[in-house]
Amino acid sequence: MLVVDDSKAQRRMISRIMSRWGYHVTEAGSGEEALLACSAQRFDIILSDWMMDGMTGLEFCRALRALAQDSYAYFILLTSKSEKAEVADGLEAGADDFLTKPVAPDELRARLRAGERIVGMQRELLQKNRLLGSTLTELQKVHDALDRDLIHARSVQQTFMRERRASVPGGDVSILFRSSGHVGGDLVGWFRINTSSVILYSIDVSGHGVASAMLSARLAGLLSGAAPERNASLVLSSHARRETWAPEEVAARFNKVILDDLRVDQYMTMVYAQIDLLNGKGRLVQAGHPHPVVLRADGTMDRLGSGGMPIGLLEEASFEGVDFRLSPGDRLFLMTDGIVECPTPGGEELGDDGLIDILRRKKHMTSGQLLEALTWQLAAHYGSEDFPDDVSGLLFDYLGPSSA
């Protein structure tokens, strides 16, 4: 406790009463002396006379509140003033309570107990804030570590997409991949079966984030052209020649892998296409994925497939193969639903018609330029480049048998 009064008699009287109640009391004969004491020591409760020579109690209270302290002192003004305006001045200066002089011991004790409750709550709050600050610091460390891991995971995931631009005999491949977070569940890619055939695929794993990324990473291993012995779509013949299951059979095999081997709660959608580079004939399976689009050399657009069931939902699901044919100059576009379902700020999706419109307006561009322009169009449609879902796609330019 700190008792401040320029009257030594008044000061001593209050100090003796408080000392008998078990308080540790310090005295100050002026506001200036009290301010120096507060700078050197922390007090829980301060009783100060209002009217003093030099610095008044009101001025002392203002100066005390201006000090940068990590604890709160409960301030009681001793005064004979009772006008509402004067009381308001005291509260405005930072006083917490008032005692009318001459001080009655019972009232003084009641005011002190009220001050003790306030100081106790303030200390408890301060302790909780410190604990919260310490916890937040630890959480920030964990967050930073996770963030570093996710950044590394993203760089690893990027390697699944191989190069974004590639050429095969008879065609060129261009890839677009933008995850909505550090890592995503989309997977687009290609690999050659043999010198005359190529596989193109677009996959979207349900959900977002790490769980989806881990499943897409597993699927990337099952569609690796660099490791044919682990590729779930390839069959090695007796002459070590690469052959492949029909697209609909590949979808059925992946359905079995997810339900029987992986046993995860996720499913996936997919378009998987096989193209003969010598004649442009192709066959694909569409499993719950957006319709592939063929950008014909004459400017027309064809949508392929009829929908199909997602992979990994039902054991008895069946998948249907779809035949198509590319002519030299045609382009096949595979994409995930992050493109066609990209919303406006009001929630209106781009849709198949919106995508066709963009492709028609940008058909004069090269495939790399078209994918870049599509990304900008989606950002303008959504109102931000931070898309709500992964955005990925693959454009295959069929150059014809002479190139092959």
Protein backbone atom coordinates (compact mmCIF):
# COMPACT_ATOMS: atom_id res chain seq x y z
CA MET A 1 0.00 0.00 0.00
CA LEU A 2 1.05 3.58 -0.64
CA VAL A 3 -0.49 6.44 1.37
CA VAL A 4 0.07 9.92 -0.07
CA ASP A 5 -0.84 13.05 1.90
CA ASP A 6 0.98 16.31 2.62
CA SER A 7 -0.51 16.20 6.13
CA LYS A 8 1.78 14.03 8.22
CA ALA A 9 -0.92 13.49 10.86
CA GLN A 10 -3.51 12.30 8.33
CA ARG A 11 -0.92 10.11 6.66
CA ARG A 12 0.20 8.47 9.89
CA MET A 13 -3.35 7.85 11.09
CA ILE A 14 -4.36 5.99 7.91
CA SER A 15 -1.05 4.08 7.80
CA ARG A 16 -1.44 2.85 11.40
CA ILE A 17 -4.98 1.63 10.77
CA MET A 18 -3.90 -0.25 7.65
CA SER A 19 -0.82 -1.68 9.36
CA ARG A 20 -3.01 -3.13 12.11
CA TRP A 21 -5.01 -4.91 9.38
CA GLY A 22 -1.82 -6.57 8.11
CA TYR A 23 -1.03 -4.36 5.11
CA HIS A 24 2.53 -3.34 4.19
CA VAL A 25 2.34 0.44 4.05
CA THR A 26 4.67 3.02 2.50
CA GLU A 27 4.15 6.77 3.03
CA ALA A 28 4.81 9.74 0.74
CA GLY A 29 4.42 13.42 1.69
CA SER A 30 3.82 14.76 -1.84
CA GLY A 31 2.74 13.72 -5.31
CA GLU A 32 6.30 14.11 -6.58
CA GLU A 33 7.67 11.85 -3.83
CA ALA A 34 4.93 9.29 -4.49
CA LEU A 35 5.66 9.25 -8.23
CA LEU A 36 9.34 8.52 -7.52
CA ALA A 37 8.32 5.69 -5.20
CA CYS A 38 6.03 4.21 -7.89
CA SER A 39 8.88 4.33 -10.40
CA ALA A 40 11.05 2.23 -8.10
CA GLN A 41 8.47 -0.12 -6.57
CA ARG A 42 5.17 -1.73 -7.47
CA PHE A 43 2.13 -0.92 -5.27
CA ASP A 44 -1.16 -2.76 -5.34
CA ILE A 45 -3.36 -0.03 -3.83
CA ILE A 46 -2.69 3.72 -3.56
CA LEU A 47 -4.59 6.14 -1.31
CA SER A 48 -3.86 9.76 -2.21
CA ASP A 49 -5.22 13.03 -0.93
CA TRP A 50 -6.73 15.18 -3.71
CA MET A 51 -5.68 18.61 -2.48
CA MET A 52 -1.91 18.80 -1.84
CA ASP A 53 0.72 21.48 -2.26
CA GLY A 54 2.68 21.12 -5.51
CA MET A 55 1.39 18.12 -7.49
CA THR A 56 -2.24 17.47 -6.63
CA GLY A 57 -3.64 13.97 -6.20
CA LEU A 58 -5.40 14.32 -9.56
CA GLU A 59 -2.14 15.25 -11.31
CA PHE A 60 -0.32 12.42 -9.53
CA CYS A 61 -2.97 9.95 -10.72
CA ARG A 62 -2.59 11.12 -14.34
CA ALA A 63 1.20 10.86 -14.14
CA LEU A 64 0.96 7.39 -12.58
CA ARG A 65 -1.29 6.10 -15.37
CA ALA A 66 1.18 7.46 -17.92
CA LEU A 67 3.96 5.28 -16.49
CA ALA A 68 4.63 2.09 -18.46
CA GLN A 69 3.93 -0.57 -15.83
CA ASP A 70 3.17 -4.27 -16.22
CA SER A 71 0.75 -4.25 -13.26
CA TYR A 72 -2.25 -2.19 -12.26
CA ALA A 73 -2.44 -0.10 -9.09
CA TYR A 74 -5.91 0.47 -7.64
CA PHE A 75 -6.15 4.23 -7.01
CA ILE A 76 -8.38 5.71 -4.27
CA LEU A 77 -8.69 9.50 -4.01
CA LEU A 78 -9.21 10.98 -0.52
CA THR A 79 -11.33 14.09 -0.88
CA SER A 80 -13.97 16.31 0.57
CA LYS A 81 -15.29 17.02 -2.93
CA SER A 82 -18.68 15.60 -3.77
CA GLU A 83 -19.79 17.50 -6.86
CA LYS A 84 -20.56 15.22 -9.85
CA ALA A 85 -18.31 17.20 -12.18
CA GLU A 86 -15.36 16.85 -9.78
CA VAL A 87 -15.97 13.14 -9.35
CA ALA A 88 -16.06 12.80 -13.14
CA ASP A 89 -12.69 14.62 -13.35
CA GLY A 90 -11.22 12.10 -10.92
CA LEU A 91 -12.51 9.13 -12.90
CA GLU A 92 -11.26 10.68 -16.13
CA ALA A 93 -7.80 11.06 -14.60
CA GLY A 94 -7.70 7.32 -13.81
CA ALA A 95 -9.00 7.06 -10.25
CA ASP A 96 -10.86 3.89 -9.36
CA ASP A 97 -12.63 4.91 -6.16
CA PHE A 98 -13.17 7.78 -3.72
CA LEU A 99 -13.14 8.15 0.07
CA THR A 100 -14.61 11.16 1.78
CA LYS A 101 -12.55 12.81 4.52
CA PRO A 102 -12.52 12.34 7.42
CA VAL A 103 -11.98 8.66 6.69
CA ALA A 104 -14.21 6.15 8.50
CA PRO A 105 -12.29 2.90 9.27
CA ASP A 106 -15.18 0.59 8.27
CA GLU A 107 -15.61 2.31 4.92
CA LEU A 108 -11.85 2.34 4.36
CA ARG A 109 -11.65 -1.41 4.96
CA ALA A 110 -14.55 -2.07 2.58
CA ARG A 111 -12.89 0.05 -0.14
CA LEU A 112 -9.59 -1.75 0.35
CA ARG A 113 -11.21 -5.16 0.03
CA ALA A 114 -12.89 -4.05 -3.19
CA GLY A 115 -9.50 -2.91 -4.43
CA GLU A 116 -7.94 -6.25 -3.46
CA ARG A 117 -10.52 -8.10 -5.55
CA ILE A 118 -9.79 -5.91 -8.57
CA VAL A 119 -6.02 -6.27 -8.15
CA GLY A 120 -6.39 -10.04 -7.71
CA MET A 121 -8.42 -10.35 -10.90
CA GLN A 122 -5.90 -8.18 -12.73
CA ARG A 123 -3.02 -10.40 -11.59
CA GLU A 124 -4.91 -13.53 -12.64
CA LEU A 125 -5.65 -11.98 -16.03
CA LEU A 126 -2.02 -10.96 -16.43
CA GLN A 127 -0.86 -14.47 -15.59
CA LYS A 128 -3.29 -15.97 -18.09
CA ASN A 129 -2.16 -13.50 -20.75
CA ARG A 130 1.45 -14.48 -20.15
CA LEU A 131 0.52 -18.15 -20.39
CA LEU A 132 -1.44 -17.42 -23.57
CA GLY A 133 1.51 -15.51 -25.00
CA SER A 134 3.84 -18.38 -24.21
CA THR A 135 1.42 -20.87 -25.77
CA LEU A 136 1.06 -18.71 -28.89
CA THR A 137 4.84 -18.56 -29.19
CA GLU A 138 5.06 -22.34 -29.05
CA LEU A 139 2.19 -22.68 -31.54
CA GLN A 140 3.94 -20.26 -33.87
CA LYS A 141 7.07 -22.42 -33.73
CA VAL A 142 5.01 -25.49 -34.59
CA HIS A 143 3.24 -23.57 -37.37
CA ASP A 144 6.54 -22.38 -38.81
CA ALA A 145 7.90 -25.94 -38.77
CA LEU A 146 4.75 -27.26 -40.48
CA ASP A 147 4.91 -24.43 -42.99
CA ARG A 148 8.50 -25.34 -43.88
CA ASP A 149 7.51 -29.00 -44.24
CA LEU A 150 4.56 -28.09 -46.48
CA ILE A 151 6.73 -25.87 -48.67
CA HIS A 152 9.13 -28.78 -49.08
CA ALA A 153 6.19 -31.12 -49.75
CA ARG A 154 4.96 -28.75 -52.43
CA SER A 155 8.31 -28.79 -54.19
CA VAL A 156 8.24 -32.60 -54.07
CA GLN A 157 4.69 -32.67 -55.44
CA GLN A 158 5.71 -30.43 -58.32
CA THR A 159 8.11 -33.14 -59.46
CA PHE A 160 5.15 -35.49 -60.05
CA MET A 161 4.04 -33.25 -62.92
CA ARG A 162 7.31 -33.75 -64.80
CA GLU A 163 8.15 -30.90 -67.13
CA ARG A 164 5.33 -28.45 -67.92
CA ARG A 165 6.18 -28.55 -71.62
CA ALA A 166 7.21 -31.74 -73.39
CA SER A 167 7.28 -33.25 -76.85
CA VAL A 168 6.69 -36.82 -77.95
CA PRO A 169 6.84 -38.15 -81.51
CA GLY A 170 3.53 -37.01 -82.93
CA GLY A 171 2.49 -34.50 -80.26
CA ASP A 172 3.25 -31.88 -77.63
CA VAL A 173 2.12 -31.81 -74.00
CA SER A 174 1.46 -28.65 -71.94
CA ILE A 175 0.55 -28.81 -68.23
CA LEU A 176 -1.16 -26.35 -65.87
CA PHE A 177 -1.04 -26.93 -62.10
CA ARG A 178 -2.04 -24.47 -59.36
CA SER A 179 -2.78 -25.85 -55.89
CA SER A 180 -5.13 -23.88 -53.66
CA GLY A 181 -2.84 -24.46 -50.66
CA HIS A 182 0.72 -25.56 -50.11
CA VAL A 183 -0.13 -28.98 -51.49
CA GLY A 184 -3.14 -30.24 -53.40
CA GLY A 185 -4.99 -33.36 -54.49
CA ASP A 186 -4.83 -32.79 -58.26
CA LEU A 187 -2.57 -34.83 -60.50
CA VAL A 188 -2.06 -34.40 -64.25
CA GLY A 189 0.53 -36.10 -66.37
CA TRP A 190 1.48 -38.38 -69.23
CA PHE A 191 3.81 -41.23 -70.13
CA ARG A 192 4.62 -43.20 -73.24
CA ILE A 193 3.60 -46.82 -73.55
CA ASN A 194 5.84 -47.45 -76.53
CA THR A 195 7.12 -45.56 -79.57
CA SER A 196 3.65 -45.08 -81.03
CA SER A 197 1.29 -44.66 -78.04
CA VAL A 198 0.96 -42.17 -75.21
CA ILE A 199 -1.13 -42.06 -72.03
CA LEU A 200 -2.64 -38.78 -70.75
CA TYR A 201 -4.40 -38.52 -67.40
CA SER A 202 -6.07 -36.00 -65.11
CA ILE A 203 -6.94 -36.96 -61.52
CA ASP A 204 -8.67 -35.11 -58.68
CA VAL A 205 -8.58 -36.63 -55.19
CA SER A 206 -11.47 -35.66 -52.91
CA GLY A 207 -10.81 -33.12 -50.18
CA HIS A 208 -7.92 -30.72 -49.80
CA GLY A 209 -4.57 -30.45 -48.13
CA VAL A 210 -2.11 -33.04 -46.88
CA ALA A 211 -4.40 -36.10 -46.93
CA SER A 212 -5.36 -35.51 -50.56
CA ALA A 213 -1.76 -34.77 -51.51
CA MET A 214 -0.56 -38.03 -49.94
CA LEU A 215 -3.08 -40.07 -51.93
CA SER A 216 -2.22 -38.22 -55.15
CA ALA A 217 1.46 -38.97 -54.46
CA ARG A 218 0.63 -42.68 -54.16
CA LEU A 219 -1.33 -42.52 -57.42
CA ALA A 220 1.57 -40.74 -59.12
CA GLY A 221 3.72 -43.76 -58.31
CA LEU A 222 1.11 -46.06 -59.82
CA LEU A 223 1.19 -44.05 -63.07
CA SER A 224 4.91 -43.62 -63.38
CA GLY A 225 6.39 -44.08 -66.81
CA ALA A 226 9.86 -44.20 -65.29
CA ALA A 227 9.03 -47.30 -63.22
CA PRO A 228 6.91 -49.53 -65.51
CA GLU A 229 7.12 -52.48 -63.13
CA ARG A 230 5.08 -50.46 -60.58
CA ASN A 231 2.74 -48.83 -63.08
CA ALA A 232 -0.77 -50.15 -62.48
CA SER A 233 -1.85 -49.48 -66.07
CA LEU A 234 0.96 -51.31 -67.83
CA VAL A 235 1.39 -54.95 -68.73
CA LEU A 236 4.85 -56.24 -69.60
CA SER A 237 4.62 -58.83 -72.36
CA SER A 238 6.88 -61.83 -72.71
CA HIS A 239 9.04 -59.83 -75.11
CA ALA A 240 9.37 -57.00 -72.55
CA ARG A 241 7.18 -54.84 -74.77
CA ARG A 242 4.99 -52.35 -72.93
CA GLU A 243 1.29 -52.91 -73.32
CA THR A 244 -1.54 -51.35 -71.37
CA TRP A 245 -4.91 -52.26 -69.99
CA ALA A 246 -7.88 -50.64 -71.68
CA PRO A 247 -8.77 -47.29 -70.03
CA GLU A 248 -11.98 -48.66 -68.50
CA GLU A 249 -10.01 -51.58 -67.04
CA VAL A 250 -7.44 -49.15 -65.59
CA ALA A 251 -10.28 -47.30 -63.84
CA ALA A 252 -11.60 -50.60 -62.44
CA ARG A 253 -8.12 -51.53 -61.20
CA PHE A 254 -7.75 -48.17 -59.44
CA ASN A 255 -11.20 -48.64 -57.91
CA LYS A 256 -9.99 -51.93 -56.43
CA VAL A 257 -6.71 -50.38 -55.24
CA ILE A 258 -8.48 -47.61 -53.30
CA LEU A 259 -11.18 -49.84 -51.78
CA ASP A 260 -9.18 -53.01 -51.10
CA ASP A 261 -5.53 -52.00 -50.79
CA LEU A 262 -5.40 -48.38 -49.59
CA ARG A 263 -8.70 -48.48 -47.65
CA VAL A 264 -8.93 -44.72 -47.29
CA ASP A 265 -12.04 -42.61 -46.84
CA GLN A 266 -11.25 -40.64 -49.97
CA TYR A 267 -12.25 -41.18 -53.57
CA MET A 268 -11.07 -39.70 -56.82
CA THR A 269 -12.29 -38.65 -60.23
CA MET A 270 -10.25 -39.29 -63.35
CA VAL A 271 -9.93 -39.04 -67.11
CA TYR A 272 -7.45 -41.52 -68.52
CA ALA A 273 -6.80 -41.49 -72.28
CA GLN A 274 -4.70 -43.63 -74.58
CA ILE A 275 -3.77 -42.21 -78.00
CA ASP A 276 -2.19 -43.94 -80.99
CA LEU A 277 0.22 -41.35 -82.36
CA LEU A 278 0.31 -42.95 -85.81
CA ASN A 279 -3.37 -42.59 -86.62
CA GLY A 280 -4.83 -40.28 -83.94
CA LYS A 281 -7.21 -42.94 -82.64
CA GLY A 282 -7.88 -42.71 -78.94
CA ARG A 283 -9.88 -44.31 -76.15
CA LEU A 284 -10.59 -42.81 -72.75
CA VAL A 285 -12.50 -43.41 -69.58
CA GLN A 286 -14.29 -40.61 -67.74
CA ALA A 287 -14.85 -41.42 -64.07
CA GLY A 288 -16.83 -38.59 -62.46
CA HIS A 289 -14.42 -36.05 -63.97
CA PRO A 290 -15.20 -32.93 -66.04
CA HIS A 291 -15.69 -33.64 -69.75
CA PRO A 292 -12.51 -33.59 -71.82
CA VAL A 293 -12.68 -31.08 -74.67
CA VAL A 294 -11.28 -31.50 -78.19
CA LEU A 295 -10.30 -28.22 -79.80
CA ARG A 296 -10.55 -29.07 -83.48
CA ALA A 297 -8.22 -27.52 -86.03
CA ASP A 298 -11.27 -26.05 -87.83
CA GLY A 299 -12.30 -24.13 -84.67
CA THR A 300 -15.10 -26.43 -83.50
CA MET A 301 -15.22 -27.89 -79.99
CA ASP A 302 -16.25 -31.41 -78.95
CA ARG A 303 -16.94 -32.61 -75.42
CA LEU A 304 -16.15 -36.25 -74.80
CA GLY A 305 -17.57 -38.77 -72.34
CA SER A 306 -20.82 -39.13 -70.46
CA GLY A 307 -19.80 -38.60 -66.84
CA GLY A 308 -19.28 -41.94 -65.16
CA MET A 309 -18.88 -42.96 -61.52
CA PRO A 310 -16.03 -41.64 -59.33
CA ILE A 311 -13.35 -44.15 -58.37
CA GLY A 312 -13.23 -45.53 -54.85
CA LEU A 313 -16.89 -45.20 -53.84
CA LEU A 314 -18.53 -48.51 -54.83
CA GLU A 315 -17.03 -51.96 -55.29
CA GLU A 316 -19.54 -52.80 -58.00
CA ALA A 317 -18.92 -49.62 -60.00
CA SER A 318 -18.42 -50.16 -63.73
CA PHE A 319 -16.64 -47.89 -66.16
CA GLU A 320 -17.23 -47.31 -69.84
CA GLY A 321 -14.60 -46.67 -72.50
CA VAL A 322 -15.15 -43.88 -75.05
CA ASP A 323 -13.53 -43.91 -78.51
CA PHE A 324 -12.45 -40.69 -80.24
CA ARG A 325 -10.11 -39.60 -82.96
CA LEU A 326 -7.74 -36.67 -83.34
CA SER A 327 -6.71 -35.14 -86.62
CA PRO A 328 -3.46 -33.25 -87.11
CA GLY A 329 -3.84 -29.81 -85.51
CA ASP A 330 -6.46 -30.97 -82.99
CA ARG A 331 -5.88 -30.46 -79.28
CA LEU A 332 -7.23 -32.56 -76.41
CA PHE A 333 -7.83 -30.71 -73.11
CA LEU A 334 -8.14 -32.58 -69.81
CA MET A 335 -8.95 -30.56 -66.67
CA THR A 336 -10.08 -30.94 -63.05
CA ASP A 337 -13.25 -29.43 -61.59
CA GLY A 338 -11.30 -26.53 -60.07
CA ILE A 339 -11.62 -24.92 -63.52
CA VAL A 340 -15.28 -25.49 -64.42
CA GLU A 341 -16.44 -25.00 -60.81
CA CYS A 342 -14.43 -21.82 -60.23
CA PRO A 343 -16.99 -19.34 -58.78
CA THR A 344 -17.51 -15.61 -59.06
CA PRO A 345 -17.54 -13.61 -55.78
CA GLY A 346 -21.31 -14.14 -55.91
CA GLY A 347 -20.97 -17.91 -56.20
CA GLU A 348 -21.76 -18.40 -59.93
CA GLU A 349 -19.61 -21.19 -61.38
CA LEU A 350 -17.77 -20.86 -64.68
CA GLY A 351 -19.35 -24.06 -65.97
CA ASP A 352 -18.71 -26.03 -69.15
CA ASP A 353 -20.15 -23.29 -71.35
CA GLY A 354 -17.94 -20.65 -69.75
CA LEU A 355 -14.87 -22.82 -70.32
CA ILE A 356 -15.80 -23.44 -73.97
CA ASP A 357 -16.23 -19.70 -74.45
CA ILE A 358 -12.73 -18.99 -73.09
CA LEU A 359 -11.19 -21.75 -75.21
CA ARG A 360 -12.96 -20.47 -78.32
CA ARG A 361 -11.73 -16.91 -77.76
CA LYS A 362 -8.15 -18.06 -77.07
CA LYS A 363 -7.94 -20.81 -79.73
CA HIS A 364 -5.39 -18.82 -81.79
CA MET A 365 -2.84 -19.09 -78.97
CA THR A 366 -0.25 -21.77 -78.52
CA SER A 367 -1.09 -24.34 -75.85
CA GLY A 368 1.31 -22.80 -73.32
CA GLN A 369 -0.13 -19.34 -73.93
CA LEU A 370 -3.69 -20.66 -73.77
CA LEU A 371 -3.17 -22.27 -70.36
CA GLU A 372 -1.63 -19.07 -69.03
CA ALA A 373 -4.52 -17.01 -70.44
CA LEU A 374 -7.00 -19.47 -68.91
CA THR A 375 -5.39 -18.94 -65.50
CA TRP A 376 -5.77 -15.15 -65.84
CA GLN A 377 -9.40 -15.54 -66.95
CA LEU A 378 -10.16 -17.72 -63.93
CA ALA A 379 -8.52 -15.16 -61.62
CA ALA A 380 -10.65 -12.40 -63.14
CA HIS A 381 -13.77 -14.59 -62.83
CA TYR A 382 -13.07 -15.42 -59.19
CA GLY A 383 -11.71 -12.00 -58.24
CA SER A 384 -8.43 -13.36 -56.88
CA GLU A 385 -5.50 -15.57 -57.83
CA ASP A 386 -5.94 -17.54 -54.58
CA PHE A 387 -8.35 -20.08 -56.03
CA PRO A 388 -10.70 -21.97 -53.69
CA ASP A 389 -9.78 -25.31 -55.28
CA ASP A 390 -6.80 -26.80 -57.09
CA VAL A 391 -6.66 -25.75 -60.73
CA SER A 392 -4.98 -28.13 -63.15
CA GLY A 393 -5.17 -29.17 -66.78
CA LEU A 394 -3.32 -30.78 -69.66
CA LEU A 395 -3.35 -29.80 -73.34
CA PHE A 396 -2.17 -32.33 -75.90
CA ASP A 397 -1.40 -31.07 -79.42
CA TYR A 398 -1.69 -33.84 -81.95
CA LEU A 399 0.77 -33.14 -84.75
CA GLY A 400 0.00 -36.14 -86.92
CA PRO A 401 1.61 -39.39 -88.11
CA SER A 402 4.28 -37.65 -90.17
CA SER A 403 5.68 -36.11 -86.98
CA ALA A 404 5.44 -39.43 -85.21
